[in-house]
Protein backbone atom coordinates (compact mmCIF):
# COMPACT_ATOMS: atom_id res chain seq x y z
CA UNK A 1 -0.22 -17.48 28.38
CA UNK A 2 -3.67 -16.63 27.09
CA UNK A 3 -4.17 -13.44 25.16
CA UNK A 4 -7.71 -12.07 25.06
CA UNK A 5 -8.41 -10.00 21.94
CA UNK A 6 -11.37 -7.62 21.99
CA UNK A 7 -13.07 -5.35 19.50
CA UNK A 8 -14.14 -1.90 20.64
CA UNK A 9 -17.80 -1.41 21.37
CA UNK A 10 -17.57 2.28 20.47
CA UNK A 11 -15.43 2.16 17.29
CA UNK A 12 -16.50 0.69 13.95
CA UNK A 13 -15.49 -2.89 13.19
CA UNK A 14 -12.33 -2.71 11.09
CA UNK A 15 -11.77 -6.45 10.82
CA UNK A 16 -9.38 -6.73 13.76
CA UNK A 17 -9.49 -6.32 17.54
CA UNK A 18 -8.63 -2.93 18.97
CA UNK A 19 -7.11 -4.29 22.18
CA UNK A 20 -5.39 -7.35 23.61
CA UNK A 21 -5.25 -8.19 27.28
CA UNK A 22 -2.47 -10.38 28.64
CA UNK A 23 -2.78 -11.91 32.08
CA UNK A 24 0.20 -11.50 34.38
CA UNK A 25 3.38 -13.01 33.02
CA UNK A 26 6.32 -12.30 30.77
CA UNK A 27 6.14 -10.49 27.46
CA UNK A 28 8.38 -11.15 24.47
CA UNK A 29 9.26 -8.22 22.20
CA UNK A 30 10.75 -9.13 18.82
CA UNK A 31 13.04 -7.13 16.64
CA UNK A 32 11.92 -6.49 13.09
CA UNK A 33 11.65 -9.92 11.46
CA UNK A 34 12.65 -9.92 7.79
CA UNK A 35 11.94 -12.32 4.94
CA UNK A 36 15.41 -13.85 4.96
CA UNK A 37 16.42 -17.38 4.12
CA UNK A 38 19.02 -19.53 5.91
CA UNK A 39 21.82 -17.71 4.06
CA UNK A 40 20.54 -14.25 5.08
CA UNK A 41 19.19 -13.40 1.62
CA UNK A 42 15.87 -11.58 1.17
CA UNK A 43 13.45 -13.96 -0.52
CA UNK A 44 11.29 -13.97 -2.49
CA UNK A 45 12.59 -10.81 -4.12
CA UNK A 46 10.00 -8.28 -5.32
CA UNK A 47 7.00 -10.13 -3.84
CA UNK A 48 5.08 -8.40 -1.02
CA UNK A 49 2.84 -11.39 -0.30
CA UNK A 50 5.71 -13.86 -0.47
CA UNK A 51 7.86 -11.73 1.82
CA UNK A 52 4.98 -11.27 4.27
CA UNK A 53 4.53 -15.04 4.44
CA UNK A 54 8.30 -15.53 4.85
CA UNK A 55 8.39 -12.93 7.66
CA UNK A 56 5.52 -14.70 9.40
CA UNK A 57 7.25 -18.09 9.04
CA UNK A 58 10.41 -16.58 10.54
CA UNK A 59 8.32 -14.98 13.30
CA UNK A 60 6.81 -18.38 14.08
CA UNK A 61 10.33 -19.85 14.35
CA UNK A 62 11.42 -17.11 16.77
CA UNK A 63 8.26 -17.50 18.85
CA UNK A 64 8.65 -21.29 18.92
CA UNK A 65 12.23 -20.92 20.21
CA UNK A 66 10.78 -19.02 23.19
CA UNK A 67 7.84 -21.37 23.82
CA UNK A 68 5.18 -19.27 22.13
CA UNK A 69 3.17 -19.28 18.91
CA UNK A 70 1.00 -17.00 16.81
CA UNK A 71 -1.98 -17.33 19.22
CA UNK A 72 0.27 -15.75 21.90
CA UNK A 73 0.87 -12.57 19.87
CA UNK A 74 -0.71 -9.57 21.58
CA UNK A 75 0.43 -6.85 19.14
CA UNK A 76 1.74 -6.90 15.59
CA UNK A 77 3.33 -4.21 13.44
CA UNK A 78 3.82 -4.81 9.71
CA UNK A 79 6.08 -2.45 7.75
CA UNK A 80 5.69 -2.46 3.96
CA UNK A 81 8.16 -0.55 1.76
CA UNK A 82 5.97 0.00 -1.27
CA UNK A 83 4.16 3.02 -2.70
CA UNK A 84 0.63 1.71 -3.22
CA UNK A 85 -2.05 1.12 -0.60
CA UNK A 86 -2.88 -2.15 -2.35
CA UNK A 87 0.53 -3.49 -1.29
CA UNK A 88 -0.40 -2.87 2.33
CA UNK A 89 -3.75 -4.57 1.73
CA UNK A 90 -2.22 -7.73 0.23
CA UNK A 91 0.31 -7.88 3.07
CA UNK A 92 -2.59 -7.62 5.53
CA UNK A 93 -4.46 -10.40 3.73
CA UNK A 94 -1.41 -12.67 4.19
CA UNK A 95 -1.36 -11.80 7.91
CA UNK A 96 -5.07 -12.60 8.29
CA UNK A 97 -4.51 -15.93 6.53
CA UNK A 98 -1.55 -16.85 8.77
CA UNK A 99 -3.56 -16.09 11.91
CA UNK A 100 -6.60 -18.00 10.65
CA UNK A 101 -8.63 -14.79 10.81
CA UNK A 102 -7.92 -14.32 14.55
CA UNK A 103 -5.40 -11.51 14.21
CA UNK A 104 -4.08 -9.53 17.17
CA UNK A 105 -4.35 -5.76 17.32
CA UNK A 106 -2.10 -4.64 14.51
CA UNK A 107 -0.71 -1.73 12.54
CA UNK A 108 0.23 -1.95 8.88
CA UNK A 109 2.55 0.91 8.00
CA UNK A 110 3.87 2.05 4.65
CA UNK A 111 7.53 3.03 4.88
CA UNK A 112 10.05 4.40 2.42
CA UNK A 113 12.85 1.89 2.91
CA UNK A 114 13.78 -1.10 5.06
CA UNK A 115 17.30 -2.14 6.17
CA UNK A 116 18.11 -4.85 3.63
CA UNK A 117 18.44 -4.46 -0.13
CA UNK A 118 15.26 -5.75 -1.85
CA UNK A 119 13.42 -5.97 1.49
CA UNK A 120 9.75 -5.03 1.15
CA UNK A 121 8.30 -6.32 4.44
CA UNK A 122 9.31 -6.43 8.11
CA UNK A 123 7.18 -7.61 11.03
CA UNK A 124 7.51 -6.88 14.77
CA UNK A 125 5.51 -8.61 17.47
CA UNK A 126 4.79 -8.55 21.18
CA UNK A 127 3.81 -11.96 22.55
CA UNK A 128 2.79 -13.41 25.88
CA UNK A 129 4.99 -16.14 27.37
CA UNK A 130 4.09 -18.92 29.79
CA UNK A 131 5.67 -18.52 33.20
C-alpha cells in the first residue's frame, strides 16, 4: 500500500516529512521493537547506533512477516534511553541511513529507562499493508 510522505509548506524543513497519507487499507501497529538477538539478549550492549540498527533490522523482519517493508512505514517513534542529545542525533542518523533518506514522519524521544537490562533503543512503527 503506498504511503505518501509530505513536508509542511508552513513549517520549516526539519529534514523529515511532517505528515504521511495512507490510502484506504489496513494498518499495522508494532509493539516496541528492541535490539534483541535470537536468544533474546540485548545486543550490541552499550552502543546506541548499533542498537538502533539492530532494532531496525528486527523491525524489517516483523514488517516482512506481514507483507510490508520500510517504504510502507507511515509513522515511526524511536525511544533512546540516554542522557545526551547527541545520542538521539546518532540514533536518528542510523534511521535516516536505513530509510535511504526517505524517512516517515517520526519522533525521537529521550527516555529514562527501557524494559530490558542494557536496552538503549526501542522503535515503534505504524505501517500500511496491502489488501
